[in-house]
Protein backbone atom coordinates (compact mmCIF):
# COMPACT_ATOMS: atom_id res chain seq x y z
CA UNK A 1 27.02 27.04 -0.18
CA UNK A 2 23.27 27.60 -0.39
CA UNK A 3 22.55 24.33 -2.19
CA UNK A 4 24.15 22.03 0.47
CA UNK A 5 22.32 23.97 3.18
CA UNK A 6 19.02 23.54 1.37
CA UNK A 7 19.64 19.80 0.95
CA UNK A 8 20.48 19.53 4.67
CA UNK A 9 17.22 21.26 5.63
CA UNK A 10 15.24 18.92 3.39
CA UNK A 11 17.03 15.95 4.96
CA UNK A 12 16.13 17.16 8.47
CA UNK A 13 12.49 17.66 7.45
CA UNK A 14 12.29 14.14 6.01
CA UNK A 15 13.94 12.75 9.12
CA UNK A 16 11.40 14.48 11.35
CA UNK A 17 8.51 13.20 9.23
CA UNK A 18 9.87 9.65 9.35
CA UNK A 19 10.35 9.81 13.10
CA UNK A 20 6.79 11.07 13.62
CA UNK A 21 5.33 8.29 11.47
CA UNK A 22 7.43 5.71 13.32
CA UNK A 23 6.12 6.99 16.66
CA UNK A 24 2.53 6.75 15.42
CA UNK A 25 3.10 3.28 13.96
CA UNK A 26 4.14 1.99 17.39
CA UNK A 27 0.64 2.70 18.68
CA UNK A 28 -1.42 1.41 15.76
CA UNK A 29 -4.06 -1.23 16.31
CA UNK A 30 -6.84 -1.78 18.82
CA UNK A 31 -6.70 -1.09 22.56
CA UNK A 32 -9.27 -1.93 25.24
CA UNK A 33 -10.04 -0.97 28.82
CA UNK A 34 -12.80 -2.49 30.96
CA UNK A 35 -13.99 -0.26 33.81
CA UNK A 36 -16.77 -2.06 35.68
CA UNK A 37 -19.49 -2.57 33.07
CA UNK A 38 -18.07 0.13 30.79
CA UNK A 39 -15.87 -0.59 27.77
CA UNK A 40 -13.32 1.83 26.35
CA UNK A 41 -12.19 0.95 22.81
CA UNK A 42 -9.32 2.84 21.22
CA UNK A 43 -8.64 2.37 17.50
CA UNK A 44 -5.46 3.82 16.00
CA UNK A 45 -4.65 3.55 12.28
CA UNK A 46 -2.38 5.81 10.22
CA UNK A 47 -2.74 9.19 11.97
CA UNK A 48 -6.36 8.63 13.06
CA UNK A 49 -7.38 7.90 16.64
CA UNK A 50 -10.93 7.25 17.89
CA UNK A 51 -12.03 6.49 21.45
CA UNK A 52 -15.43 4.84 21.92
CA UNK A 53 -17.12 4.31 25.27
CA UNK A 54 -20.01 1.85 25.59
CA UNK A 55 -21.72 -0.67 27.81
CA UNK A 56 -23.16 -4.00 26.72
CA UNK A 57 -26.56 -2.39 26.31
CA UNK A 58 -25.72 1.29 25.76
CA UNK A 59 -23.59 3.43 23.47
CA UNK A 60 -22.13 6.38 25.40
CA UNK A 61 -19.52 8.40 23.53
CA UNK A 62 -17.27 8.67 20.49
CA UNK A 63 -14.50 11.23 20.16
CA UNK A 64 -11.28 11.56 18.22
CA UNK A 65 -9.70 12.66 14.97
CA UNK A 66 -6.24 12.92 13.47
CA UNK A 67 -3.23 13.17 15.76
CA UNK A 68 0.47 13.70 16.18
CA UNK A 69 2.61 12.07 18.85
CA UNK A 70 5.41 13.61 20.86
CA UNK A 71 7.35 11.96 23.66
CA UNK A 72 4.83 13.16 26.24
CA UNK A 73 1.59 14.07 24.45
CA UNK A 74 -0.86 13.01 21.81
CA UNK A 75 -2.01 16.18 20.05
CA UNK A 76 -5.44 15.41 18.64
CA UNK A 77 -7.25 17.49 16.03
CA UNK A 78 -10.82 16.68 17.03
CA UNK A 79 -13.09 15.64 14.15
CA UNK A 80 -15.95 14.28 16.27
CA UNK A 81 -17.24 14.41 19.84
CA UNK A 82 -20.88 13.45 20.20
CA UNK A 83 -21.15 14.74 23.79
CA UNK A 84 -19.26 18.01 23.27
CA UNK A 85 -19.61 19.47 19.77
CA UNK A 86 -17.63 22.57 20.82
CA UNK A 87 -14.50 20.38 21.03
CA UNK A 88 -14.63 19.65 17.29
CA UNK A 89 -12.03 21.64 15.38
CA UNK A 90 -9.87 22.17 18.45
CA UNK A 91 -6.52 20.61 19.30
CA UNK A 92 -6.51 18.51 22.46
CA UNK A 93 -3.20 17.88 24.24
CA UNK A 94 -3.46 14.48 25.89
CA UNK A 95 -0.63 13.28 28.17
CA UNK A 96 0.21 9.59 27.85
CA UNK A 97 2.72 6.87 28.64
CA UNK A 98 3.46 3.82 26.51
CA UNK A 99 5.30 0.71 27.64
CA UNK A 100 5.20 -2.68 25.94
CA UNK A 101 1.51 -3.49 25.40
CA UNK A 102 0.04 -0.92 27.81
CA UNK A 103 -1.02 2.56 26.74
CA UNK A 104 -2.00 4.96 29.52
CA UNK A 105 -3.96 8.11 28.70
CA UNK A 106 -4.36 10.90 31.22
CA UNK A 107 -7.29 13.17 30.30
CA UNK A 108 -7.56 15.69 33.12
CA UNK A 109 -7.41 13.92 36.47
CA UNK A 110 -8.34 10.52 34.99
CA UNK A 111 -5.95 7.68 34.30
CA UNK A 112 -7.03 5.23 31.61
CA UNK A 113 -4.85 2.14 31.18
CA UNK A 114 -5.47 0.35 27.88
CA UNK A 115 -4.25 -3.14 26.98
CA UNK A 116 -3.38 -3.94 23.39
CA UNK A 117 -5.91 -6.09 21.53
CA UNK A 118 -3.98 -6.27 18.24
CA UNK A 119 -1.13 -4.46 16.50
CA UNK A 120 -3.02 -3.45 13.36
CA UNK A 121 -1.16 -5.82 11.07
CA UNK A 122 -3.77 -7.36 8.76
CA UNK A 123 -4.70 -7.19 5.06
CA UNK A 124 -7.69 -4.89 5.72
CA UNK A 125 -6.10 -2.76 8.44
CA UNK A 126 -6.44 0.95 7.70
CA UNK A 127 -8.91 3.79 7.36
CA UNK A 128 -11.32 3.43 4.45
CA UNK A 129 -13.86 5.54 2.55
CA UNK A 130 -16.42 4.21 0.11
CA UNK A 131 -15.62 5.30 -3.45
CA UNK A 132 -17.98 3.23 -5.65
CA UNK A 133 -21.33 1.48 -5.20
CA UNK A 134 -23.59 -0.77 -7.25
CA UNK A 135 -26.81 0.89 -8.40
CA UNK A 136 -30.21 -0.89 -8.64
CA UNK A 137 -29.55 -1.53 -12.34
CA UNK A 138 -26.44 -3.53 -11.45
CA UNK A 139 -23.88 -0.96 -12.57
CA UNK A 140 -21.03 -0.06 -10.20
CA UNK A 141 -20.50 3.70 -10.39
CA UNK A 142 -18.11 6.07 -8.61
CA UNK A 143 -19.39 8.06 -5.66
CA UNK A 144 -18.65 11.74 -6.05
CA UNK A 145 -18.30 13.23 -2.59
CA UNK A 146 -20.18 16.50 -2.15
CA UNK A 147 -20.34 18.64 0.94
CA UNK A 148 -18.30 17.99 4.05
CA UNK A 149 -19.99 14.91 5.47
CA UNK A 150 -17.74 11.83 5.51
CA UNK A 151 -18.12 8.18 6.43
CA UNK A 152 -15.00 6.37 7.57
CA UNK A 153 -14.50 2.68 8.29
CA UNK A 154 -11.53 1.85 10.48
CA UNK A 155 -10.19 -1.69 10.66
CA UNK A 156 -7.33 -2.93 12.82
CA UNK A 157 -6.22 -6.56 13.05
CA UNK A 158 -9.46 -7.70 14.69
CA UNK A 159 -11.70 -4.67 15.32
CA UNK A 160 -13.84 -2.53 13.01
CA UNK A 161 -15.78 0.69 13.34
CA UNK A 162 -17.69 2.93 10.96
CA UNK A 163 -18.54 6.54 11.73
CA UNK A 164 -20.55 9.13 9.85
CA UNK A 165 -19.57 12.69 10.73
CA UNK A 166 -19.48 16.23 9.39
CA UNK A 167 -16.63 18.08 11.12
CA UNK A 168 -17.37 21.33 9.27
CA UNK A 169 -20.68 21.69 11.12
CA UNK A 170 -19.61 19.65 14.18
CA UNK A 171 -22.21 16.97 13.42
CA UNK A 172 -22.20 13.35 14.60
CA UNK A 173 -24.50 11.14 12.51
CA UNK A 174 -23.79 7.71 13.96
CA UNK A 175 -21.32 4.92 14.58
CA UNK A 176 -21.13 1.19 15.12
CA UNK A 177 -18.45 -1.41 15.47
CA UNK A 178 -17.11 -4.54 17.06
CA UNK A 179 -14.99 -7.51 15.99
CA UNK A 180 -14.34 -8.93 12.52
CA UNK A 181 -12.64 -11.79 10.72
CA UNK A 182 -11.44 -11.91 7.11
CA UNK A 183 -10.45 -15.31 5.77
CA UNK A 184 -10.73 -17.11 2.43
CA UNK A 185 -12.67 -14.25 0.87
CA UNK A 186 -15.25 -14.08 3.66
CA UNK A 187 -15.60 -10.97 5.81
CA UNK A 188 -17.66 -11.46 8.99
CA UNK A 189 -18.34 -8.72 11.51
CA UNK A 190 -19.98 -9.01 14.92
CA UNK A 191 -21.57 -5.85 16.28
CA UNK A 192 -20.59 -4.85 19.84
CA UNK A 193 -21.96 -1.28 19.88
CA UNK A 194 -24.34 0.70 17.68
CA UNK A 195 -25.31 4.28 18.40
CA UNK A 196 -28.58 4.23 16.46
CA UNK A 197 -30.09 0.91 17.54
CA UNK A 198 -28.77 -1.08 20.48
CA UNK A 199 -30.91 -4.06 19.40
CA UNK A 200 -28.32 -4.68 16.69
CA UNK A 201 -25.64 -5.54 19.28
CA UNK A 202 -24.66 -9.20 19.06
CA UNK A 203 -25.67 -9.59 15.42
CA UNK A 204 -23.20 -11.05 12.94
CA UNK A 205 -23.10 -10.16 9.24
CA UNK A 206 -21.20 -12.07 6.57
CA UNK A 207 -19.97 -10.64 3.27
CA UNK A 208 -17.75 -11.58 0.37
CA UNK A 209 -14.58 -9.52 0.28
CA UNK A 210 -11.41 -9.16 -1.75
CA UNK A 211 -8.52 -6.75 -2.16
CA UNK A 212 -7.95 -5.64 -5.75
CA UNK A 213 -5.38 -3.00 -6.73
CA UNK A 214 -5.37 -1.74 -3.15
CA UNK A 215 -9.16 -1.34 -3.01
CA UNK A 216 -11.52 -3.39 -0.88
CA UNK A 217 -14.45 -4.94 -2.76
CA UNK A 218 -17.28 -5.67 -0.35
CA UNK A 219 -20.47 -7.50 -1.39
CA UNK A 220 -23.41 -9.41 0.04
CA UNK A 221 -26.67 -8.55 1.76
CA UNK A 222 -27.18 -5.58 4.06
CA UNK A 223 -28.83 -5.87 7.47
CA UNK A 224 -32.10 -5.05 5.65
CA UNK A 225 -31.62 -7.92 3.20
CA UNK A 226 -30.73 -5.67 0.29
CA UNK A 227 -27.99 -6.69 -2.17
CA UNK A 228 -24.89 -4.51 -1.95
CA UNK A 229 -21.60 -4.20 -3.82
CA UNK A 230 -19.24 -1.51 -2.62
CA UNK A 231 -15.67 -0.51 -3.33
CA UNK A 232 -13.70 1.13 -0.53
CA UNK A 233 -10.36 2.94 -0.86
CA UNK A 234 -7.85 3.73 1.85
CA UNK A 235 -7.64 7.27 3.19
CA UNK A 236 -4.10 8.51 2.65
């Protein structure tokens, strides 16, 4: 009798995991809210969620992390909050409603109604980390991650964002993002916010790109004119 019971428990666990992932998948992609001259951009991929607030000429805030979804709440494990470092490492319970292509978040007494920009279905959609880079001698070598600092790049169907953070010490190093296209091996991104240098807003950068064995090969010239070749792998 114990074996069937054990199998039943495993089945229930798998069912719960599948249901949770299905709930998260319904929200994936990019969401946007315009409040006067302030933009709210919400990027959701896999179980990551990041909320960026910016104006046309000013970066304001980035916060978010990994999350779980229930019928009434998004439970967010905060990995970054550049205006409130004490929030990092804590779980935030965020009430929400979701209907068709409108996602409403209710932090405190606020009501934020986001409209869907895209549904996250695209070849490059996902959360990426750089795993290899070309050295000055032309050799592409693996990057061995040391310490707790991480750099993520999130891409939905039309939006991108990179962020450099160190959750272990509650450190925010920088972020930037905007819109991108990927067609016929050309990856082009247009910057809409940049925490370190607002003068970069409006600039477009073009790179060669390809997917090979699930990895994203990214090459071209950096904003400083330096030759780059990087390999990015999806965060699982």
